[in-house]
Amino acid sequence: MLALNKSANKAVGFAGSSTLLLEGCDVASNSIANDAIDFQGATQVTTECASAVGGIDGASGSLTLTDCAAPYAGARPFPDPYAGLPFPTPDTCDQTLKNTLNENNGVHTVNPGTVTTFCAGSPNISIKADITFNPGMYIFDGVDVHVNAGAVLDGDGVTIFLTGNARLTMNGGADVELRAPTSDLDPYQGVLIYADPADSTIEHVLNGNSATSFTGALYFPTSDVVFSGTNDEDLNACTLLIADEIEFTGNSFFGSDCAAIGVDTAETAQVVLIVE
């Protein structure tokens, strides 16, 4: 996971009594702040390496490293693996998609499309039903998306796009199992969620439970993410989280078995060695 903000305090923050296991993963921050990566409370984080352009605060007793001898402060900035990835142009309103997503109950299947503020009805999406997403691109333009407790989301080959200051909120009582495209022919191979870089000052909330599984890159280059609750502890999982700022407040598992789905992993744990 990588926070891109160049100056924020606690650009990556772990708080409360959360337990986070990053299997084969690293934590990195581009912030120059003294607390670019910050640990508070009784949080416990296990990861291969932790690196920051600035400093790392509160790691003693909270951070366990499985590959690096110590956390690295004063690292050089970490490149964004998706910098320059084009954002698609929203289409006209798909009223059928919007109406189906807003169903209060039942089992439904939806096809790729765009939901905009020009759609009829309530301006936002509130998902409460059992929804299967067919493969493709789902664009939400200016529309907040709420995934409520009791909702069930499932889909292969899916990319969710958020633009026009759209906000995503997932309730911890929802079961979410979504997987990004894996085809080499798909320009968004490996990308599960992509928030428009033109949007900023947006905070997205991803609350999970033991059945939650995000397979792919969660890419919020200019937006903040609050990640709480749990994530399915699957050793074959792949979850890459890149955001402007990241806050963890719950128990989670992140896996790094990403080769099969084409995720562009971030270059982290950068160390400069001086050899005489």
C-alpha atoms as a PDB file:
ATOM      1  CA  MET A   1       0.000   0.000   0.000  1.00  0.00           C
ATOM      2  CA  LEU A   2       1.199   3.467  -0.902  1.00  0.00           C
ATOM      3  CA  ALA A   3       0.148   6.977   0.171  1.00  0.00           C
ATOM      4  CA  LEU A   4       0.992   9.525  -2.539  1.00  0.00           C
ATOM      5  CA  ASN A   5       0.517  12.763  -0.575  1.00  0.00           C
ATOM      6  CA  LYS A   6       3.850  14.591  -0.398  1.00  0.00           C
ATOM      7  CA  SER A   7       3.432  16.503   2.855  1.00  0.00           C
ATOM      8  CA  ALA A   8       0.536  15.203   4.989  1.00  0.00           C
ATOM      9  CA  ASN A   9       0.931  14.177   8.603  1.00  0.00           C
ATOM     10  CA  LYS A  10      -0.106  10.553   9.096  1.00  0.00           C
ATOM     11  CA  ALA A  11      -0.381  10.000   5.350  1.00  0.00           C
ATOM     12  CA  VAL A  12      -0.572   6.323   6.316  1.00  0.00           C
ATOM     13  CA  GLY A  13      -2.192   6.013   9.735  1.00  0.00           C
ATOM     14  CA  PHE A  14      -2.965   2.971  11.880  1.00  0.00           C
ATOM     15  CA  ALA A  15      -5.213   3.616  14.855  1.00  0.00           C
ATOM     16  CA  GLY A  16      -7.283   1.954  17.561  1.00  0.00           C
ATOM     17  CA  SER A  17      -6.814  -1.719  18.391  1.00  0.00           C
ATOM     18  CA  SER A  18      -6.627  -2.889  14.790  1.00  0.00           C
ATOM     19  CA  THR A  19      -4.600  -5.875  13.599  1.00  0.00           C
ATOM     20  CA  LEU A  20      -3.328  -5.745  10.024  1.00  0.00           C
ATOM     21  CA  LEU A  21      -1.496  -8.579   8.252  1.00  0.00           C
ATOM     22  CA  LEU A  22       0.196  -7.728   4.947  1.00  0.00           C
ATOM     23  CA  GLU A  23       1.300 -11.043   3.476  1.00  0.00           C
ATOM     24  CA  GLY A  24       4.218 -10.413   1.123  1.00  0.00           C
ATOM     25  CA  CYS A  25       3.369  -6.695   1.054  1.00  0.00           C
ATOM     26  CA  ASP A  26       4.987  -3.385   1.990  1.00  0.00           C
ATOM     27  CA  VAL A  27       3.731  -0.088   3.406  1.00  0.00           C
ATOM     28  CA  ALA A  28       5.077   3.133   1.898  1.00  0.00           C
ATOM     29  CA  SER A  29       4.453   6.876   2.139  1.00  0.00           C
ATOM     30  CA  ASN A  30       5.639   9.743  -0.077  1.00  0.00           C
ATOM     31  CA  SER A  31       5.038  12.344   2.643  1.00  0.00           C
ATOM     32  CA  ILE A  32       7.998  14.317   4.006  1.00  0.00           C
ATOM     33  CA  ALA A  33       6.279  14.714   7.410  1.00  0.00           C
ATOM     34  CA  ASN A  34       7.961  13.318  10.518  1.00  0.00           C
ATOM     35  CA  ASP A  35       4.939  11.049  10.987  1.00  0.00           C
ATOM     36  CA  ALA A  36       4.458  10.105   7.338  1.00  0.00           C
ATOM     37  CA  ILE A  37       3.593   6.610   8.629  1.00  0.00           C
ATOM     38  CA  ASP A  38       1.988   6.734  12.066  1.00  0.00           C
ATOM     39  CA  PHE A  39       1.020   4.076  14.610  1.00  0.00           C
ATOM     40  CA  GLN A  40      -1.331   4.868  17.482  1.00  0.00           C
ATOM     41  CA  GLY A  41      -3.134   2.937  20.192  1.00  0.00           C
ATOM     42  CA  ALA A  42      -2.848  -0.835  20.428  1.00  0.00           C
ATOM     43  CA  THR A  43      -2.610  -1.406  16.693  1.00  0.00           C
ATOM     44  CA  GLN A  44      -0.529  -4.350  15.433  1.00  0.00           C
ATOM     45  CA  VAL A  45       0.800  -4.327  11.860  1.00  0.00           C
ATOM     46  CA  THR A  46       2.787  -7.150  10.261  1.00  0.00           C
ATOM     47  CA  THR A  47       4.358  -6.409   6.888  1.00  0.00           C
ATOM     48  CA  GLU A  48       7.549  -7.138   4.951  1.00  0.00           C
ATOM     49  CA  CYS A  49       8.878  -3.562   4.971  1.00  0.00           C
ATOM     50  CA  ALA A  50       7.746  -0.045   5.906  1.00  0.00           C
ATOM     51  CA  SER A  51       9.321   2.951   4.152  1.00  0.00           C
ATOM     52  CA  ALA A  52       8.669   6.695   4.102  1.00  0.00           C
ATOM     53  CA  VAL A  53      10.190   9.756   2.455  1.00  0.00           C
ATOM     54  CA  GLY A  54       9.737  11.462   5.815  1.00  0.00           C
ATOM     55  CA  GLY A  55       9.611   9.761   9.205  1.00  0.00           C
ATOM     56  CA  ILE A  56       7.861   6.827  10.862  1.00  0.00           C
ATOM     57  CA  ASP A  57       6.294   7.449  14.276  1.00  0.00           C
ATOM     58  CA  GLY A  58       5.091   5.051  16.973  1.00  0.00           C
ATOM     59  CA  ALA A  59       6.373   1.876  15.301  1.00  0.00           C
ATOM     60  CA  SER A  60       7.925   0.393  18.434  1.00  0.00           C
ATOM     61  CA  GLY A  61       5.655  -2.332  19.763  1.00  0.00           C
ATOM     62  CA  SER A  62       3.173  -1.896  16.915  1.00  0.00           C
ATOM     63  CA  LEU A  63       5.140  -2.881  13.804  1.00  0.00           C
ATOM     64  CA  THR A  64       6.518  -6.331  12.954  1.00  0.00           C
ATOM     65  CA  LEU A  65       8.686  -6.601   9.836  1.00  0.00           C
ATOM     66  CA  THR A  66       9.164  -9.959   8.126  1.00  0.00           C
ATOM     67  CA  ASP A  67      11.699  -9.002   5.430  1.00  0.00           C
ATOM     68  CA  CYS A  68      13.440  -5.773   6.487  1.00  0.00           C
ATOM     69  CA  ALA A  69      15.591  -5.334   9.564  1.00  0.00           C
ATOM     70  CA  ALA A  70      14.047  -1.950  10.433  1.00  0.00           C
ATOM     71  CA  PRO A  71      11.601   0.598   9.006  1.00  0.00           C
ATOM     72  CA  TYR A  72      13.211   2.977   6.490  1.00  0.00           C
ATOM     73  CA  ALA A  73      12.859   6.726   6.940  1.00  0.00           C
ATOM     74  CA  GLY A  74      14.275   9.242   4.477  1.00  0.00           C
ATOM     75  CA  ALA A  75      13.600   7.074   1.429  1.00  0.00           C
ATOM     76  CA  ARG A  76      13.385   8.546  -2.048  1.00  0.00           C
ATOM     77  CA  PRO A  77       9.841   9.103  -3.398  1.00  0.00           C
ATOM     78  CA  PHE A  78       7.996   6.012  -4.568  1.00  0.00           C
ATOM     79  CA  PRO A  79       6.679   5.984  -8.139  1.00  0.00           C
ATOM     80  CA  ASP A  80       2.966   5.668  -8.808  1.00  0.00           C
ATOM     81  CA  PRO A  81       2.576   2.532 -10.949  1.00  0.00           C
ATOM     82  CA  TYR A  82      -0.646   3.862 -12.497  1.00  0.00           C
ATOM     83  CA  ALA A  83       0.441   7.443 -13.165  1.00  0.00           C
ATOM     84  CA  GLY A  84      -0.850   8.416 -16.588  1.00  0.00           C
ATOM     85  CA  LEU A  85      -3.511   5.727 -16.728  1.00  0.00           C
ATOM     86  CA  PRO A  86      -6.305   7.362 -18.771  1.00  0.00           C
ATOM     87  CA  PHE A  87      -9.677   7.862 -17.168  1.00  0.00           C
ATOM     88  CA  PRO A  88     -12.642   6.878 -19.357  1.00  0.00           C
ATOM     89  CA  THR A  89     -15.224   9.374 -20.591  1.00  0.00           C
ATOM     90  CA  PRO A  90     -18.594   8.823 -18.918  1.00  0.00           C
ATOM     91  CA  ASP A  91     -21.411   7.765 -21.212  1.00  0.00           C
ATOM     92  CA  THR A  92     -25.053   8.827 -21.016  1.00  0.00           C
ATOM     93  CA  CYS A  93     -27.228   7.587 -18.183  1.00  0.00           C
ATOM     94  CA  ASP A  94     -27.970   3.875 -18.037  1.00  0.00           C
ATOM     95  CA  GLN A  95     -31.314   4.077 -16.251  1.00  0.00           C
ATOM     96  CA  THR A  96     -31.710   0.301 -16.080  1.00  0.00           C
ATOM     97  CA  LEU A  97     -28.370  -0.045 -14.292  1.00  0.00           C
ATOM     98  CA  LYS A  98     -29.290   2.639 -11.780  1.00  0.00           C
ATOM     99  CA  ASN A  99     -32.741   1.215 -11.104  1.00  0.00           C
ATOM    100  CA  THR A 100     -31.389  -2.309 -10.583  1.00  0.00           C
ATOM    101  CA  LEU A 101     -28.628  -1.176  -8.220  1.00  0.00           C
ATOM    102  CA  ASN A 102     -31.255   0.634  -6.143  1.00  0.00           C
ATOM    103  CA  GLU A 103     -33.441  -2.448  -5.696  1.00  0.00           C
ATOM    104  CA  ASN A 104     -34.249  -2.992  -2.020  1.00  0.00           C
ATOM    105  CA  ASN A 105     -34.005  -6.783  -2.122  1.00  0.00           C
ATOM    106  CA  GLY A 106     -33.814  -9.830  -4.364  1.00  0.00           C
ATOM    107  CA  VAL A 107     -31.090 -11.262  -6.614  1.00  0.00           C
ATOM    108  CA  HIS A 108     -30.091  -9.286  -9.706  1.00  0.00           C
ATOM    109  CA  THR A 109     -27.452  -9.208 -12.453  1.00  0.00           C
ATOM    110  CA  VAL A 110     -26.242  -5.954 -13.987  1.00  0.00           C
ATOM    111  CA  ASN A 111     -24.314  -5.102 -17.137  1.00  0.00           C
ATOM    112  CA  PRO A 112     -21.597  -2.434 -17.561  1.00  0.00           C
ATOM    113  CA  GLY A 113     -22.787   1.134 -17.892  1.00  0.00           C
ATOM    114  CA  THR A 114     -22.743   4.677 -16.549  1.00  0.00           C
ATOM    115  CA  VAL A 115     -24.837   6.216 -13.786  1.00  0.00           C
ATOM    116  CA  THR A 116     -24.869  10.021 -13.800  1.00  0.00           C
ATOM    117  CA  THR A 117     -26.731  12.870 -12.142  1.00  0.00           C
ATOM    118  CA  PHE A 118     -28.852  13.044 -15.306  1.00  0.00           C
ATOM    119  CA  CYS A 119     -30.519   9.745 -14.433  1.00  0.00           C
ATOM    120  CA  ALA A 120     -34.075   9.953 -13.125  1.00  0.00           C
ATOM    121  CA  GLY A 121     -34.859   9.400  -9.465  1.00  0.00           C
ATOM    122  CA  SER A 122     -32.741   9.801  -6.351  1.00  0.00           C
ATOM    123  CA  PRO A 123     -29.342  11.321  -7.214  1.00  0.00           C
ATOM    124  CA  ASN A 124     -27.371   8.592  -5.437  1.00  0.00           C
ATOM    125  CA  ILE A 125     -27.037   4.808  -5.379  1.00  0.00           C
ATOM    126  CA  SER A 126     -28.003   2.774  -2.308  1.00  0.00           C
ATOM    127  CA  ILE A 127     -27.304  -0.932  -2.765  1.00  0.00           C
ATOM    128  CA  LYS A 128     -29.219  -3.293  -0.494  1.00  0.00           C
ATOM    129  CA  ALA A 129     -29.806  -6.352  -2.706  1.00  0.00           C
ATOM    130  CA  ASP A 130     -27.747  -9.280  -4.024  1.00  0.00           C
ATOM    131  CA  ILE A 131     -25.991  -7.937  -7.133  1.00  0.00           C
ATOM    132  CA  THR A 132     -23.822  -9.828  -9.623  1.00  0.00           C
ATOM    133  CA  PHE A 133     -21.729  -7.560 -11.860  1.00  0.00           C
ATOM    134  CA  ASN A 134     -21.034  -8.842 -15.362  1.00  0.00           C
ATOM    135  CA  PRO A 135     -17.498  -8.063 -16.624  1.00  0.00           C
ATOM    136  CA  GLY A 136     -16.799  -4.532 -17.773  1.00  0.00           C
ATOM    137  CA  MET A 137     -16.638  -0.865 -16.770  1.00  0.00           C
ATOM    138  CA  TYR A 138     -19.058   0.694 -14.272  1.00  0.00           C
ATOM    139  CA  ILE A 139     -18.805   4.493 -14.170  1.00  0.00           C
ATOM    140  CA  PHE A 140     -20.403   6.637 -11.462  1.00  0.00           C
ATOM    141  CA  ASP A 141     -20.360  10.329 -12.403  1.00  0.00           C
ATOM    142  CA  GLY A 142     -21.299  12.725  -9.595  1.00  0.00           C
ATOM    143  CA  VAL A 143     -23.196   9.923  -7.875  1.00  0.00           C
ATOM    144  CA  ASP A 144     -22.422   8.731  -4.351  1.00  0.00           C
ATOM    145  CA  VAL A 145     -22.488   4.937  -4.015  1.00  0.00           C
ATOM    146  CA  HIS A 146     -23.535   3.409  -0.686  1.00  0.00           C
ATOM    147  CA  VAL A 147     -23.223  -0.352  -0.179  1.00  0.00           C
ATOM    148  CA  ASN A 148     -25.467  -1.121   2.787  1.00  0.00           C
ATOM    149  CA  ALA A 149     -25.371  -3.816   5.439  1.00  0.00           C
ATOM    150  CA  GLY A 150     -26.894  -7.013   4.061  1.00  0.00           C
ATOM    151  CA  ALA A 151     -25.981  -6.266   0.458  1.00  0.00           C
ATOM    152  CA  VAL A 152     -24.082  -8.900  -1.528  1.00  0.00           C
ATOM    153  CA  LEU A 153     -21.782  -7.853  -4.380  1.00  0.00           C
ATOM    154  CA  ASP A 154     -20.001 -10.301  -6.640  1.00  0.00           C
ATOM    155  CA  GLY A 155     -18.273  -9.967  -9.991  1.00  0.00           C
ATOM    156  CA  ASP A 156     -15.342 -11.009 -12.178  1.00  0.00           C
ATOM    157  CA  GLY A 157     -13.511  -8.721 -14.600  1.00  0.00           C
ATOM    158  CA  VAL A 158     -15.001  -5.592 -13.049  1.00  0.00           C
ATOM    159  CA  THR A 159     -13.602  -2.044 -12.868  1.00  0.00           C
ATOM    160  CA  ILE A 160     -15.506   0.628 -10.919  1.00  0.00           C
ATOM    161  CA  PHE A 161     -14.812   4.250 -11.874  1.00  0.00           C
ATOM    162  CA  LEU A 162     -15.665   7.241  -9.671  1.00  0.00           C
ATOM    163  CA  THR A 163     -15.726  10.755 -11.128  1.00  0.00           C
ATOM    164  CA  GLY A 164     -17.454  14.107 -10.676  1.00  0.00           C
ATOM    165  CA  ASN A 165     -16.702  13.959  -6.923  1.00  0.00           C
ATOM    166  CA  ALA A 166     -18.522  10.640  -6.574  1.00  0.00           C
ATOM    167  CA  ARG A 167     -17.998   9.054  -3.173  1.00  0.00           C
ATOM    168  CA  LEU A 168     -17.886   5.335  -2.340  1.00  0.00           C
ATOM    169  CA  THR A 169     -19.008   4.054   1.064  1.00  0.00           C
ATOM    170  CA  MET A 170     -19.083   0.329   1.842  1.00  0.00           C
ATOM    171  CA  ASN A 171     -20.766  -0.839   5.043  1.00  0.00           C
ATOM    172  CA  GLY A 172     -19.048  -3.572   7.046  1.00  0.00           C
ATOM    173  CA  GLY A 173     -22.248  -5.618   7.039  1.00  0.00           C
ATOM    174  CA  ALA A 174     -22.083  -6.126   3.264  1.00  0.00           C
ATOM    175  CA  ASP A 175     -20.468  -9.144   1.589  1.00  0.00           C
ATOM    176  CA  VAL A 176     -18.272  -7.895  -1.259  1.00  0.00           C
ATOM    177  CA  GLU A 177     -16.285 -10.190  -3.557  1.00  0.00           C
ATOM    178  CA  LEU A 178     -15.117  -8.260  -6.595  1.00  0.00           C
ATOM    179  CA  ARG A 179     -12.267  -9.143  -8.939  1.00  0.00           C
ATOM    180  CA  ALA A 180     -10.494  -6.915 -11.459  1.00  0.00           C
ATOM    181  CA  PRO A 181     -10.014  -7.752 -15.164  1.00  0.00           C
ATOM    182  CA  THR A 182      -7.156 -10.151 -15.907  1.00  0.00           C
ATOM    183  CA  SER A 183      -6.971  -9.954 -19.708  1.00  0.00           C
ATOM    184  CA  ASP A 184      -3.799  -8.505 -21.231  1.00  0.00           C
ATOM    185  CA  LEU A 185      -6.065  -6.823 -23.793  1.00  0.00           C
ATOM    186  CA  ASP A 186      -7.925  -4.805 -21.162  1.00  0.00           C
ATOM    187  CA  PRO A 187      -6.343  -1.343 -20.570  1.00  0.00           C
ATOM    188  CA  TYR A 188      -7.531  -1.566 -16.968  1.00  0.00           C
ATOM    189  CA  GLN A 189      -6.083  -4.994 -16.335  1.00  0.00           C
ATOM    190  CA  GLY A 190      -5.672  -5.508 -12.592  1.00  0.00           C
ATOM    191  CA  VAL A 191      -7.576  -2.322 -11.626  1.00  0.00           C
ATOM    192  CA  LEU A 192     -10.694  -2.888  -9.521  1.00  0.00           C
ATOM    193  CA  ILE A 193     -11.536   0.675  -8.410  1.00  0.00           C
ATOM    194  CA  TYR A 194     -10.261   3.874 -10.027  1.00  0.00           C
ATOM    195  CA  ALA A 195     -11.126   7.329  -8.631  1.00  0.00           C
ATOM    196  CA  ASP A 196     -10.680  10.208 -11.057  1.00  0.00           C
ATOM    197  CA  PRO A 197      -7.373  12.071 -10.477  1.00  0.00           C
ATOM    198  CA  ALA A 198      -9.268  15.296 -11.262  1.00  0.00           C
ATOM    199  CA  ASP A 199     -11.221  14.886  -8.002  1.00  0.00           C
ATOM    200  CA  SER A 200      -9.716  15.749  -4.628  1.00  0.00           C
ATOM    201  CA  THR A 201     -10.739  16.304  -0.995  1.00  0.00           C
ATOM    202  CA  ILE A 202     -12.937  13.196  -1.269  1.00  0.00           C
ATOM    203  CA  GLU A 203     -12.884  10.563   1.487  1.00  0.00           C
ATOM    204  CA  HIS A 204     -13.955   7.050   0.545  1.00  0.00           C
ATOM    205  CA  VAL A 205     -14.835   4.524   3.236  1.00  0.00           C
ATOM    206  CA  LEU A 206     -14.235   0.802   2.752  1.00  0.00           C
ATOM    207  CA  ASN A 207     -15.599  -1.240   5.647  1.00  0.00           C
ATOM    208  CA  GLY A 208     -15.177  -4.978   5.270  1.00  0.00           C
ATOM    209  CA  ASN A 209     -15.993  -8.226   7.030  1.00  0.00           C
ATOM    210  CA  SER A 210     -14.630 -11.768   6.963  1.00  0.00           C
ATOM    211  CA  ALA A 211     -16.285 -12.362   3.573  1.00  0.00           C
ATOM    212  CA  THR A 212     -14.944  -9.183   1.958  1.00  0.00           C
ATOM    213  CA  SER A 213     -12.497  -9.725  -0.879  1.00  0.00           C
ATOM    214  CA  PHE A 214     -11.064  -6.988  -3.097  1.00  0.00           C
ATOM    215  CA  THR A 215      -8.924  -8.595  -5.796  1.00  0.00           C
ATOM    216  CA  GLY A 216      -6.982  -5.984  -7.728  1.00  0.00           C
ATOM    217  CA  ALA A 217      -5.762  -2.424  -7.376  1.00  0.00           C
ATOM    218  CA  LEU A 218      -7.781   0.108  -5.388  1.00  0.00           C
ATOM    219  CA  TYR A 219      -6.532   3.335  -6.942  1.00  0.00           C
ATOM    220  CA  PHE A 220      -7.485   6.697  -5.408  1.00  0.00           C
ATOM    221  CA  PRO A 221      -4.585   8.938  -6.515  1.00  0.00           C
ATOM    222  CA  THR A 222      -5.967  12.240  -5.170  1.00  0.00           C
ATOM    223  CA  SER A 223      -8.567  10.936  -2.709  1.00  0.00           C
ATOM    224  CA  ASP A 224      -8.359   9.644   0.861  1.00  0.00           C
ATOM    225  CA  VAL A 225      -9.383   6.156   1.970  1.00  0.00           C
ATOM    226  CA  VAL A 226     -10.544   5.000   5.390  1.00  0.00           C
ATOM    227  CA  PHE A 227     -10.265   1.217   5.560  1.00  0.00           C
ATOM    228  CA  SER A 228     -11.869  -0.502   8.530  1.00  0.00           C
ATOM    229  CA  GLY A 229     -13.391  -3.834   9.367  1.00  0.00           C
ATOM    230  CA  THR A 230     -11.816  -6.987   7.961  1.00  0.00           C
ATOM    231  CA  ASN A 231     -10.755  -8.459   4.638  1.00  0.00           C
ATOM    232  CA  ASP A 232     -10.813 -12.147   3.656  1.00  0.00           C
ATOM    233  CA  GLU A 233      -7.605 -13.885   4.803  1.00  0.00           C
ATOM    234  CA  ASP A 234      -6.799 -15.648   1.537  1.00  0.00           C
ATOM    235  CA  LEU A 235      -3.114 -16.390   0.910  1.00  0.00           C
ATOM    236  CA  ASN A 236      -3.836 -16.309  -2.844  1.00  0.00           C
ATOM    237  CA  ALA A 237      -5.364 -12.840  -2.623  1.00  0.00           C
ATOM    238  CA  CYS A 238      -4.063  -9.700  -4.270  1.00  0.00           C
ATOM    239  CA  THR A 239      -4.977  -6.260  -2.957  1.00  0.00           C
ATOM    240  CA  LEU A 240      -3.000  -3.130  -3.839  1.00  0.00           C
ATOM    241  CA  LEU A 241      -4.150   0.091  -2.172  1.00  0.00           C
ATOM    242  CA  ILE A 242      -2.880   3.416  -3.511  1.00  0.00           C
ATOM    243  CA  ALA A 243      -4.433   6.657  -2.250  1.00  0.00           C
ATOM    244  CA  ASP A 244      -3.565  10.229  -1.394  1.00  0.00           C
ATOM    245  CA  GLU A 245      -3.876   9.366   2.307  1.00  0.00           C
ATOM    246  CA  ILE A 246      -4.786   6.056   3.987  1.00  0.00           C
ATOM    247  CA  GLU A 247      -6.247   5.413   7.435  1.00  0.00           C
ATOM    248  CA  PHE A 248      -6.745   1.953   8.964  1.00  0.00           C
ATOM    249  CA  THR A 249      -9.035   1.445  11.930  1.00  0.00           C
ATOM    250  CA  GLY A 250      -9.921  -2.264  11.773  1.00  0.00           C
ATOM    251  CA  ASN A 251      -8.577  -5.776  11.355  1.00  0.00           C
ATOM    252  CA  SER A 252      -7.531  -6.541   7.793  1.00  0.00           C
ATOM    253  CA  PHE A 253      -5.535  -8.896   5.599  1.00  0.00           C
ATOM    254  CA  PHE A 254      -3.789  -7.896   2.380  1.00  0.00           C
ATOM    255  CA  GLY A 255      -2.249 -10.469   0.038  1.00  0.00           C
ATOM    256  CA  SER A 256       0.284  -9.897  -2.740  1.00  0.00           C
ATOM    257  CA  ASP A 257      -0.225 -12.867  -5.055  1.00  0.00           C
ATOM    258  CA  CYS A 258      -0.773 -10.510  -7.992  1.00  0.00           C
ATOM    259  CA  ALA A 259       1.144 -12.008 -10.920  1.00  0.00           C
ATOM    260  CA  ALA A 260      -1.843 -13.885 -12.320  1.00  0.00           C
ATOM    261  CA  ILE A 261      -4.090 -10.828 -12.627  1.00  0.00           C
ATOM    262  CA  GLY A 262      -1.634  -8.259 -13.975  1.00  0.00           C
ATOM    263  CA  VAL A 263      -1.578  -5.783 -11.082  1.00  0.00           C
ATOM    264  CA  ASP A 264       1.193  -3.181 -11.433  1.00  0.00           C
ATOM    265  CA  THR A 265       2.740  -3.409  -7.982  1.00  0.00           C
ATOM    266  CA  ALA A 266       4.405  -0.359  -6.502  1.00  0.00           C
ATOM    267  CA  GLU A 267       8.174  -0.147  -6.060  1.00  0.00           C
ATOM    268  CA  THR A 268       8.743   0.080  -2.314  1.00  0.00           C
ATOM    269  CA  ALA A 269      11.441  -0.625   0.288  1.00  0.00           C
ATOM    270  CA  GLN A 270      13.927   1.443  -1.688  1.00  0.00           C
ATOM    271  CA  VAL A 271      17.297   1.506  -0.004  1.00  0.00           C
ATOM    272  CA  VAL A 272      20.475   3.221  -1.131  1.00  0.00           C
ATOM    273  CA  LEU A 273      23.656   1.352  -0.211  1.00  0.00           C
ATOM    274  CA  ILE A 274      27.039   3.065  -0.204  1.00  0.00           C
ATOM    275  CA  VAL A 275      29.843   0.618  -0.918  1.00  0.00           C
ATOM    276  CA  GLU A 276      33.487   1.564  -0.435  1.00  0.00           C
END
